[in-house]
Amino acid sequence: GLVQAGGSLRLSCTASGRTFSSYGMGWFRQAPGKEREFVAGISW
């Protein structure tokens, strides 16, 4: 969403489907005219 500088947001990501293995999760971001970049990662 839209937030003022200094503010906060919480993004959520929900997985579905059959999962038979553990997995790490990553967050990436892409700004206009820029390459997609790594932001954060978390182990299973």
All heavy atoms as atom14 arrays in JSON, in Angstrom:
{
  "sequence": "GLVQAGGSLRLSCTASGRTFSSYGMGWFRQAPGKEREFVAGISW",
  "atom14_mask": [
    [1, 1, 1, 1, 0, 0, 0, 0, 0, 0, 0, 0, 0, 0],
    [1, 1, 1, 1, 1, 1, 1, 1, 0, 0, 0, 0, 0, 0],
    [1, 1, 1, 1, 1, 1, 1, 0, 0, 0, 0, 0, 0, 0],
    [1, 1, 1, 1, 1, 1, 1, 1, 1, 0, 0, 0, 0, 0],
    [1, 1, 1, 1, 1, 0, 0, 0, 0, 0, 0, 0, 0, 0],
    [1, 1, 1, 1, 0, 0, 0, 0, 0, 0, 0, 0, 0, 0],
    [1, 1, 1, 1, 0, 0, 0, 0, 0, 0, 0, 0, 0, 0],
    [1, 1, 1, 1, 1, 1, 0, 0, 0, 0, 0, 0, 0, 0],
    [1, 1, 1, 1, 1, 1, 1, 1, 0, 0, 0, 0, 0, 0],
    [1, 1, 1, 1, 1, 1, 1, 1, 1, 1, 1, 0, 0, 0],
    [1, 1, 1, 1, 1, 1, 1, 1, 0, 0, 0, 0, 0, 0],
    [1, 1, 1, 1, 1, 1, 0, 0, 0, 0, 0, 0, 0, 0],
    [1, 1, 1, 1, 1, 1, 0, 0, 0, 0, 0, 0, 0, 0],
    [1, 1, 1, 1, 1, 1, 1, 0, 0, 0, 0, 0, 0, 0],
    [1, 1, 1, 1, 1, 0, 0, 0, 0, 0, 0, 0, 0, 0],
    [1, 1, 1, 1, 1, 1, 0, 0, 0, 0, 0, 0, 0, 0],
    [1, 1, 1, 1, 0, 0, 0, 0, 0, 0, 0, 0, 0, 0],
    [1, 1, 1, 1, 1, 1, 1, 1, 1, 1, 1, 0, 0, 0],
    [1, 1, 1, 1, 1, 1, 1, 0, 0, 0, 0, 0, 0, 0],
    [1, 1, 1, 1, 1, 1, 1, 1, 1, 1, 1, 0, 0, 0],
    [1, 1, 1, 1, 1, 1, 0, 0, 0, 0, 0, 0, 0, 0],
    [1, 1, 1, 1, 1, 1, 0, 0, 0, 0, 0, 0, 0, 0],
    [1, 1, 1, 1, 1, 1, 1, 1, 1, 1, 1, 1, 0, 0],
    [1, 1, 1, 1, 0, 0, 0, 0, 0, 0, 0, 0, 0, 0],
    [1, 1, 1, 1, 1, 1, 1, 1, 0, 0, 0, 0, 0, 0],
    [1, 1, 1, 1, 0, 0, 0, 0, 0, 0, 0, 0, 0, 0],
    [1, 1, 1, 1, 1, 1, 1, 1, 1, 1, 1, 1, 1, 1],
    [1, 1, 1, 1, 1, 1, 1, 1, 1, 1, 1, 0, 0, 0],
    [1, 1, 1, 1, 1, 1, 1, 1, 1, 1, 1, 0, 0, 0],
    [1, 1, 1, 1, 1, 1, 1, 1, 1, 0, 0, 0, 0, 0],
    [1, 1, 1, 1, 1, 0, 0, 0, 0, 0, 0, 0, 0, 0],
    [1, 1, 1, 1, 1, 1, 1, 0, 0, 0, 0, 0, 0, 0],
    [1, 1, 1, 1, 0, 0, 0, 0, 0, 0, 0, 0, 0, 0],
    [1, 1, 1, 1, 1, 1, 1, 1, 1, 0, 0, 0, 0, 0],
    [1, 1, 1, 1, 1, 1, 1, 1, 1, 0, 0, 0, 0, 0],
    [1, 1, 1, 1, 1, 1, 1, 1, 1, 1, 1, 0, 0, 0],
    [1, 1, 1, 1, 1, 1, 1, 1, 1, 0, 0, 0, 0, 0],
    [1, 1, 1, 1, 1, 1, 1, 1, 1, 1, 1, 0, 0, 0],
    [1, 1, 1, 1, 1, 1, 1, 0, 0, 0, 0, 0, 0, 0],
    [1, 1, 1, 1, 1, 0, 0, 0, 0, 0, 0, 0, 0, 0],
    [1, 1, 1, 1, 0, 0, 0, 0, 0, 0, 0, 0, 0, 0],
    [1, 1, 1, 1, 1, 1, 1, 1, 0, 0, 0, 0, 0, 0],
    [1, 1, 1, 1, 1, 1, 0, 0, 0, 0, 0, 0, 0, 0],
    [1, 1, 1, 1, 1, 1, 1, 1, 1, 1, 1, 1, 1, 1]
  ],
  "atom14_positions": [
    [[0.81, -1.19, 0.0], [0.0, 0.0, 0.0], [0.85, 1.25, 0.0], [2.06, 1.2, -0.23], [0.0, 0.0, 0.0], [0.0, 0.0, 0.0], [0.0, 0.0, 0.0], [0.0, 0.0, 0.0], [0.0, 0.0, 0.0], [0.0, 0.0, 0.0], [0.0, 0.0, 0.0], [0.0, 0.0, 0.0], [0.0, 0.0, 0.0], [0.0, 0.0, 0.0]],
    [[0.19, 2.36, 0.25], [0.85, 3.67, 0.3], [1.05, 4.07, 1.75], [0.11, 4.04, 2.54], [0.0, 4.71, -0.43], [0.48, 6.15, -0.39], [1.82, 6.3, -1.11], [-0.57, 7.07, -1.02], [0.0, 0.0, 0.0], [0.0, 0.0, 0.0], [0.0, 0.0, 0.0], [0.0, 0.0, 0.0], [0.0, 0.0, 0.0], [0.0, 0.0, 0.0]],
    [[2.27, 4.46, 2.08], [2.59, 4.85, 3.44], [3.54, 6.04, 3.42], [4.33, 6.19, 2.49], [3.19, 3.67, 4.23], [4.54, 3.26, 3.64], [3.32, 3.99, 5.7], [0.0, 0.0, 0.0], [0.0, 0.0, 0.0], [0.0, 0.0, 0.0], [0.0, 0.0, 0.0], [0.0, 0.0, 0.0], [0.0, 0.0, 0.0], [0.0, 0.0, 0.0]],
    [[3.46, 6.88, 4.43], [4.37, 8.01, 4.54], [5.74, 7.56, 5.01], [5.88, 6.54, 5.7], [3.82, 9.05, 5.51], [2.5, 9.67, 5.1], [2.01, 10.68, 6.11], [2.78, 11.49, 6.63], [0.72, 10.65, 6.39], [0.0, 0.0, 0.0], [0.0, 0.0, 0.0], [0.0, 0.0, 0.0], [0.0, 0.0, 0.0], [0.0, 0.0, 0.0]],
    [[6.75, 8.31, 4.64], [8.1, 8.02, 5.11], [8.12, 7.95, 6.63], [7.52, 8.78, 7.32], [9.08, 9.08, 4.62], [0.0, 0.0, 0.0], [0.0, 0.0, 0.0], [0.0, 0.0, 0.0], [0.0, 0.0, 0.0], [0.0, 0.0, 0.0], [0.0, 0.0, 0.0], [0.0, 0.0, 0.0], [0.0, 0.0, 0.0], [0.0, 0.0, 0.0]],
    [[8.81, 6.94, 7.15], [8.86, 6.71, 8.58], [7.78, 5.77, 9.09], [7.85, 5.32, 10.24], [0.0, 0.0, 0.0], [0.0, 0.0, 0.0], [0.0, 0.0, 0.0], [0.0, 0.0, 0.0], [0.0, 0.0, 0.0], [0.0, 0.0, 0.0], [0.0, 0.0, 0.0], [0.0, 0.0, 0.0], [0.0, 0.0, 0.0], [0.0, 0.0, 0.0]],
    [[6.83, 5.45, 8.24], [5.74, 4.57, 8.62], [6.1, 3.1, 8.48], [7.24, 2.75, 8.16], [0.0, 0.0, 0.0], [0.0, 0.0, 0.0], [0.0, 0.0, 0.0], [0.0, 0.0, 0.0], [0.0, 0.0, 0.0], [0.0, 0.0, 0.0], [0.0, 0.0, 0.0], [0.0, 0.0, 0.0], [0.0, 0.0, 0.0], [0.0, 0.0, 0.0]],
    [[5.1, 2.25, 8.7], [5.32, 0.81, 8.7], [4.28, 0.09, 7.86], [3.14, 0.56, 7.71], [5.27, 0.25, 10.12], [6.28, 0.81, 10.94], [0.0, 0.0, 0.0], [0.0, 0.0, 0.0], [0.0, 0.0, 0.0], [0.0, 0.0, 0.0], [0.0, 0.0, 0.0], [0.0, 0.0, 0.0], [0.0, 0.0, 0.0], [0.0, 0.0, 0.0]],
    [[4.66, -1.05, 7.33], [3.77, -1.96, 6.65], [4.18, -3.38, 6.99], [5.36, -3.63, 7.27], [3.81, -1.78, 5.13], [3.11, -0.58, 4.5], [3.43, -0.51, 3.02], [1.6, -0.66, 4.72], [0.0, 0.0, 0.0], [0.0, 0.0, 0.0], [0.0, 0.0, 0.0], [0.0, 0.0, 0.0], [0.0, 0.0, 0.0], [0.0, 0.0, 0.0]],
    [[3.24, -4.3, 6.95], [3.54, -5.7, 7.12], [3.01, -6.48, 5.93], [1.8, -6.47, 5.66], [2.95, -6.27, 8.41], [3.39, -7.72, 8.67], [2.8, -8.29, 9.94], [1.37, -8.5, 9.83], [0.65, -9.22, 10.69], [1.25, -9.78, 11.74], [-0.66, -9.35, 10.53], [0.0, 0.0, 0.0], [0.0, 0.0, 0.0], [0.0, 0.0, 0.0]],
    [[3.9, -7.11, 5.21], [3.53, -7.94, 4.09], [3.33, -9.38, 4.55], [4.05, -9.87, 5.41], [4.62, -7.91, 3.0], [5.05, -6.54, 2.5], [6.06, -6.69, 1.36], [3.85, -5.71, 2.05], [0.0, 0.0, 0.0], [0.0, 0.0, 0.0], [0.0, 0.0, 0.0], [0.0, 0.0, 0.0], [0.0, 0.0, 0.0], [0.0, 0.0, 0.0]],
    [[2.34, -10.03, 3.97], [2.06, -11.42, 4.29], [2.15, -12.26, 3.02], [1.82, -11.8, 1.93], [0.67, -11.58, 4.89], [0.54, -10.87, 6.1], [0.0, 0.0, 0.0], [0.0, 0.0, 0.0], [0.0, 0.0, 0.0], [0.0, 0.0, 0.0], [0.0, 0.0, 0.0], [0.0, 0.0, 0.0], [0.0, 0.0, 0.0], [0.0, 0.0, 0.0]],
    [[2.59, -13.49, 3.17], [2.69, -14.42, 2.06], [2.22, -15.78, 2.55], [2.83, -16.36, 3.46], [4.12, -14.48, 1.54], [4.39, -15.64, 0.18], [0.0, 0.0, 0.0], [0.0, 0.0, 0.0], [0.0, 0.0, 0.0], [0.0, 0.0, 0.0], [0.0, 0.0, 0.0], [0.0, 0.0, 0.0], [0.0, 0.0, 0.0], [0.0, 0.0, 0.0]],
    [[1.17, -16.3, 1.95], [0.6, -17.57, 2.35], [0.79, -18.61, 1.25], [0.49, -18.35, 0.08], [-0.89, -17.43, 2.68], [-1.06, -16.5, 3.75], [-1.48, -18.77, 3.09], [0.0, 0.0, 0.0], [0.0, 0.0, 0.0], [0.0, 0.0, 0.0], [0.0, 0.0, 0.0], [0.0, 0.0, 0.0], [0.0, 0.0, 0.0], [0.0, 0.0, 0.0]],
    [[1.29, -19.77, 1.64], [1.55, -20.85, 0.7], [0.41, -21.86, 0.72], [-0.18, -22.13, 1.77], [2.86, -21.54, 1.03], [0.0, 0.0, 0.0], [0.0, 0.0, 0.0], [0.0, 0.0, 0.0], [0.0, 0.0, 0.0], [0.0, 0.0, 0.0], [0.0, 0.0, 0.0], [0.0, 0.0, 0.0], [0.0, 0.0, 0.0], [0.0, 0.0, 0.0]],
    [[0.13, -22.43, -0.43], [-0.86, -23.48, -0.54], [-0.37, -24.55, -1.5], [0.64, -24.36, -2.19], [-2.21, -22.92, -0.99], [-2.12, -22.35, -2.29], [0.0, 0.0, 0.0], [0.0, 0.0, 0.0], [0.0, 0.0, 0.0], [0.0, 0.0, 0.0], [0.0, 0.0, 0.0], [0.0, 0.0, 0.0], [0.0, 0.0, 0.0], [0.0, 0.0, 0.0]],
    [[-1.08, -25.66, -1.56], [-0.66, -26.77, -2.37], [0.08, -27.8, -1.54], [0.46, -27.53, -0.4], [0.0, 0.0, 0.0], [0.0, 0.0, 0.0], [0.0, 0.0, 0.0], [0.0, 0.0, 0.0], [0.0, 0.0, 0.0], [0.0, 0.0, 0.0], [0.0, 0.0, 0.0], [0.0, 0.0, 0.0], [0.0, 0.0, 0.0], [0.0, 0.0, 0.0]],
    [[0.29, -28.95, -2.11], [0.98, -30.01, -1.39], [2.47, -29.71, -1.28], [3.14, -29.43, -2.28], [0.78, -31.35, -2.1], [-0.63, -31.91, -1.95], [-0.7, -33.34, -2.45], [-2.01, -33.93, -2.2], [-2.31, -35.19, -2.45], [-1.4, -36.0, -2.98], [-3.53, -35.65, -2.2], [0.0, 0.0, 0.0], [0.0, 0.0, 0.0], [0.0, 0.0, 0.0]],
    [[2.95, -29.75, -0.06], [4.36, -29.51, 0.22], [4.92, -30.72, 0.95], [4.46, -31.06, 2.04], [4.54, -28.25, 1.06], [3.99, -27.13, 0.36], [6.02, -28.0, 1.31], [0.0, 0.0, 0.0], [0.0, 0.0, 0.0], [0.0, 0.0, 0.0], [0.0, 0.0, 0.0], [0.0, 0.0, 0.0], [0.0, 0.0, 0.0], [0.0, 0.0, 0.0]],
    [[5.91, -31.36, 0.36], [6.51, -32.56, 0.93], [7.93, -32.33, 1.42], [8.56, -33.25, 1.94], [6.49, -33.7, -0.09], [5.11, -34.07, -0.55], [4.64, -33.63, -1.77], [4.3, -34.84, 0.25], [3.37, -33.96, -2.2], [3.02, -35.18, -0.16], [2.55, -34.74, -1.4], [0.0, 0.0, 0.0], [0.0, 0.0, 0.0], [0.0, 0.0, 0.0]],
    [[8.42, -31.12, 1.26], [9.76, -30.78, 1.7], [9.74, -29.43, 2.39], [8.87, -28.6, 2.13], [10.73, -30.72, 0.52], [10.8, -31.97, -0.16], [0.0, 0.0, 0.0], [0.0, 0.0, 0.0], [0.0, 0.0, 0.0], [0.0, 0.0, 0.0], [0.0, 0.0, 0.0], [0.0, 0.0, 0.0], [0.0, 0.0, 0.0], [0.0, 0.0, 0.0]],
    [[10.69, -29.23, 3.27], [10.84, -27.93, 3.89], [11.41, -26.94, 2.87], [12.02, -27.35, 1.87], [11.76, -28.03, 5.11], [13.04, -28.5, 4.73], [0.0, 0.0, 0.0], [0.0, 0.0, 0.0], [0.0, 0.0, 0.0], [0.0, 0.0, 0.0], [0.0, 0.0, 0.0], [0.0, 0.0, 0.0], [0.0, 0.0, 0.0], [0.0, 0.0, 0.0]],
    [[11.21, -25.66, 3.12], [11.68, -24.67, 2.17], [12.01, -23.37, 2.88], [11.36, -22.99, 3.85], [10.64, -24.43, 1.07], [9.24, -24.14, 1.58], [8.82, -22.85, 1.82], [8.34, -25.18, 1.8], [7.53, -22.59, 2.29], [7.06, -24.93, 2.26], [6.66, -23.63, 2.5], [5.39, -23.37, 2.96], [0.0, 0.0, 0.0], [0.0, 0.0, 0.0]],
    [[13.02, -22.71, 2.37], [13.32, -21.37, 2.81], [12.44, -20.39, 2.05], [11.96, -20.68, 0.96], [0.0, 0.0, 0.0], [0.0, 0.0, 0.0], [0.0, 0.0, 0.0], [0.0, 0.0, 0.0], [0.0, 0.0, 0.0], [0.0, 0.0, 0.0], [0.0, 0.0, 0.0], [0.0, 0.0, 0.0], [0.0, 0.0, 0.0], [0.0, 0.0, 0.0]],
    [[12.23, -19.24, 2.64], [11.42, -18.2, 2.0], [12.22, -16.92, 1.87], [12.94, -16.53, 2.79], [10.15, -17.94, 2.8], [9.15, -19.08, 2.78], [8.41, -19.32, 1.12], [7.59, -17.73, 0.88], [0.0, 0.0, 0.0], [0.0, 0.0, 0.0], [0.0, 0.0, 0.0], [0.0, 0.0, 0.0], [0.0, 0.0, 0.0], [0.0, 0.0, 0.0]],
    [[12.08, -16.3, 0.73], [12.78, -15.05, 0.47], [11.82, -13.94, 0.09], [10.7, -14.19, -0.37], [0.0, 0.0, 0.0], [0.0, 0.0, 0.0], [0.0, 0.0, 0.0], [0.0, 0.0, 0.0], [0.0, 0.0, 0.0], [0.0, 0.0, 0.0], [0.0, 0.0, 0.0], [0.0, 0.0, 0.0], [0.0, 0.0, 0.0], [0.0, 0.0, 0.0]],
    [[12.26, -12.74, 0.32], [11.56, -11.54, -0.12], [12.47, -10.77, -1.06], [13.64, -10.53, -0.75], [11.16, -10.64, 1.06], [10.09, -11.23, 1.93], [10.26, -11.96, 3.06], [8.68, -11.1, 1.74], [9.05, -12.32, 3.59], [8.05, -11.8, 2.8], [7.88, -10.47, 0.79], [6.66, -11.88, 2.93], [6.5, -10.55, 0.92], [5.92, -11.25, 1.98]],
    [[11.94, -10.41, -2.21], [12.66, -9.62, -3.2], [11.82, -8.4, -3.56], [10.61, -8.37, -3.32], [12.94, -10.45, -4.45], [13.91, -11.58, -4.25], [13.5, -12.76, -3.65], [15.22, -11.47, -4.66], [14.38, -13.81, -3.44], [16.12, -12.51, -4.47], [15.7, -13.67, -3.86], [0.0, 0.0, 0.0], [0.0, 0.0, 0.0], [0.0, 0.0, 0.0]],
    [[12.46, -7.41, -4.14], [11.72, -6.24, -4.59], [12.3, -5.74, -5.9], [13.46, -5.96, -6.21], [11.75, -5.12, -3.54], [13.12, -4.51, -3.28], [13.06, -3.55, -2.11], [14.35, -2.94, -1.83], [14.61, -2.19, -0.77], [13.66, -1.95, 0.13], [15.82, -1.68, -0.6], [0.0, 0.0, 0.0], [0.0, 0.0, 0.0], [0.0, 0.0, 0.0]],
    [[11.45, -5.07, -6.65], [11.86, -4.51, -7.93], [11.24, -3.14, -8.12], [10.02, -3.01, -8.12], [11.48, -5.44, -9.09], [12.05, -5.0, -10.42], [11.93, -6.09, -11.48], [11.05, -6.94, -11.4], [12.82, -6.06, -12.45], [0.0, 0.0, 0.0], [0.0, 0.0, 0.0], [0.0, 0.0, 0.0], [0.0, 0.0, 0.0], [0.0, 0.0, 0.0]],
    [[12.08, -2.14, -8.25], [11.65, -0.78, -8.52], [11.71, -0.53, -10.01], [12.45, -1.19, -10.74], [12.53, 0.21, -7.77], [0.0, 0.0, 0.0], [0.0, 0.0, 0.0], [0.0, 0.0, 0.0], [0.0, 0.0, 0.0], [0.0, 0.0, 0.0], [0.0, 0.0, 0.0], [0.0, 0.0, 0.0], [0.0, 0.0, 0.0], [0.0, 0.0, 0.0]],
    [[10.94, 0.45, -10.52], [10.95, 0.75, -11.95], [12.36, 1.04, -12.46], [13.09, 1.83, -11.87], [10.06, 1.99, -12.06], [9.13, 1.87, -10.9], [9.97, 1.28, -9.79], [0.0, 0.0, 0.0], [0.0, 0.0, 0.0], [0.0, 0.0, 0.0], [0.0, 0.0, 0.0], [0.0, 0.0, 0.0], [0.0, 0.0, 0.0], [0.0, 0.0, 0.0]],
    [[12.73, 0.38, -13.54], [14.03, 0.59, -14.15], [15.18, -0.05, -13.43], [16.34, 0.16, -13.81], [0.0, 0.0, 0.0], [0.0, 0.0, 0.0], [0.0, 0.0, 0.0], [0.0, 0.0, 0.0], [0.0, 0.0, 0.0], [0.0, 0.0, 0.0], [0.0, 0.0, 0.0], [0.0, 0.0, 0.0], [0.0, 0.0, 0.0], [0.0, 0.0, 0.0]],
    [[14.92, -0.84, -12.39], [15.98, -1.48, -11.64], [15.82, -2.99, -11.65], [14.73, -3.52, -11.9], [16.0, -0.97, -10.19], [16.24, 0.52, -10.06], [16.3, 0.95, -8.61], [17.52, 0.38, -7.91], [17.63, 0.88, -6.5], [0.0, 0.0, 0.0], [0.0, 0.0, 0.0], [0.0, 0.0, 0.0], [0.0, 0.0, 0.0], [0.0, 0.0, 0.0]],
    [[16.91, -3.69, -11.38], [16.88, -5.14, -11.3], [16.2, -5.6, -10.02], [16.2, -4.89, -9.01], [18.31, -5.7, -11.35], [19.04, -5.45, -12.66], [18.45, -6.25, -13.8], [18.06, -7.41, -13.58], [18.36, -5.71, -14.91], [0.0, 0.0, 0.0], [0.0, 0.0, 0.0], [0.0, 0.0, 0.0], [0.0, 0.0, 0.0], [0.0, 0.0, 0.0]],
    [[15.62, -6.78, -10.08], [15.05, -7.36, -8.88], [16.17, -7.65, -7.89], [17.2, -8.22, -8.25], [14.3, -8.64, -9.23], [13.54, -9.25, -8.07], [12.63, -10.39, -8.54], [11.63, -9.92, -9.49], [10.66, -10.68, -9.98], [10.54, -11.94, -9.59], [9.8, -10.17, -10.86], [0.0, 0.0, 0.0], [0.0, 0.0, 0.0], [0.0, 0.0, 0.0]],
    [[15.97, -7.25, -6.64], [17.01, -7.42, -5.64], [16.51, -8.17, -4.42], [15.35, -8.09, -4.04], [17.58, -6.05, -5.21], [16.6, -5.17, -4.47], [17.24, -3.93, -3.88], [18.47, -3.89, -3.74], [16.49, -2.98, -3.54], [0.0, 0.0, 0.0], [0.0, 0.0, 0.0], [0.0, 0.0, 0.0], [0.0, 0.0, 0.0], [0.0, 0.0, 0.0]],
    [[17.42, -8.87, -3.79], [17.13, -9.59, -2.56], [16.89, -8.61, -1.43], [17.61, -7.62, -1.3], [18.29, -10.52, -2.21], [18.23, -11.07, -0.83], [17.37, -12.11, -0.52], [19.03, -10.56, 0.18], [17.31, -12.63, 0.76], [18.97, -11.06, 1.46], [18.11, -12.1, 1.75], [0.0, 0.0, 0.0], [0.0, 0.0, 0.0], [0.0, 0.0, 0.0]],
    [[15.9, -8.88, -0.61], [15.59, -8.05, 0.54], [15.81, -8.81, 1.84], [16.53, -8.35, 2.73], [14.14, -7.53, 0.49], [13.82, -6.71, 1.75], [13.92, -6.69, -0.75], [0.0, 0.0, 0.0], [0.0, 0.0, 0.0], [0.0, 0.0, 0.0], [0.0, 0.0, 0.0], [0.0, 0.0, 0.0], [0.0, 0.0, 0.0], [0.0, 0.0, 0.0]],
    [[15.17, -9.97, 1.98], [15.25, -10.74, 3.21], [15.02, -12.21, 2.91], [14.37, -12.57, 1.94], [14.23, -10.24, 4.23], [0.0, 0.0, 0.0], [0.0, 0.0, 0.0], [0.0, 0.0, 0.0], [0.0, 0.0, 0.0], [0.0, 0.0, 0.0], [0.0, 0.0, 0.0], [0.0, 0.0, 0.0], [0.0, 0.0, 0.0], [0.0, 0.0, 0.0]],
    [[15.55, -13.05, 3.78], [15.33, -14.48, 3.67], [15.18, -15.08, 5.05], [15.66, -14.54, 6.04], [0.0, 0.0, 0.0], [0.0, 0.0, 0.0], [0.0, 0.0, 0.0], [0.0, 0.0, 0.0], [0.0, 0.0, 0.0], [0.0, 0.0, 0.0], [0.0, 0.0, 0.0], [0.0, 0.0, 0.0], [0.0, 0.0, 0.0], [0.0, 0.0, 0.0]],
    [[14.48, -16.21, 5.12], [14.27, -16.89, 6.39], [14.29, -18.39, 6.15], [13.67, -18.89, 5.21], [12.96, -16.42, 7.06], [12.8, -17.06, 8.44], [11.75, -16.68, 6.17], [11.69, -16.42, 9.27], [0.0, 0.0, 0.0], [0.0, 0.0, 0.0], [0.0, 0.0, 0.0], [0.0, 0.0, 0.0], [0.0, 0.0, 0.0], [0.0, 0.0, 0.0]],
    [[15.02, -19.11, 6.99], [15.1, -20.56, 6.86], [13.78, -21.2, 7.22], [12.88, -20.57, 7.8], [16.22, -21.1, 7.76], [15.89, -20.9, 9.13], [0.0, 0.0, 0.0], [0.0, 0.0, 0.0], [0.0, 0.0, 0.0], [0.0, 0.0, 0.0], [0.0, 0.0, 0.0], [0.0, 0.0, 0.0], [0.0, 0.0, 0.0], [0.0, 0.0, 0.0]],
    [[13.63, -22.49, 6.9], [12.39, -23.2, 7.19], [12.06, -23.17, 8.68], [10.89, -23.02, 9.04], [12.5, -24.65, 6.69], [11.27, -25.46, 6.97], [10.13, -25.5, 6.23], [11.05, -26.35, 8.07], [9.21, -26.35, 6.79], [9.75, -26.9, 7.93], [11.83, -26.75, 9.15], [9.22, -27.81, 8.83], [11.29, -27.66, 10.06], [10.01, -28.17, 9.89]]
  ]
}
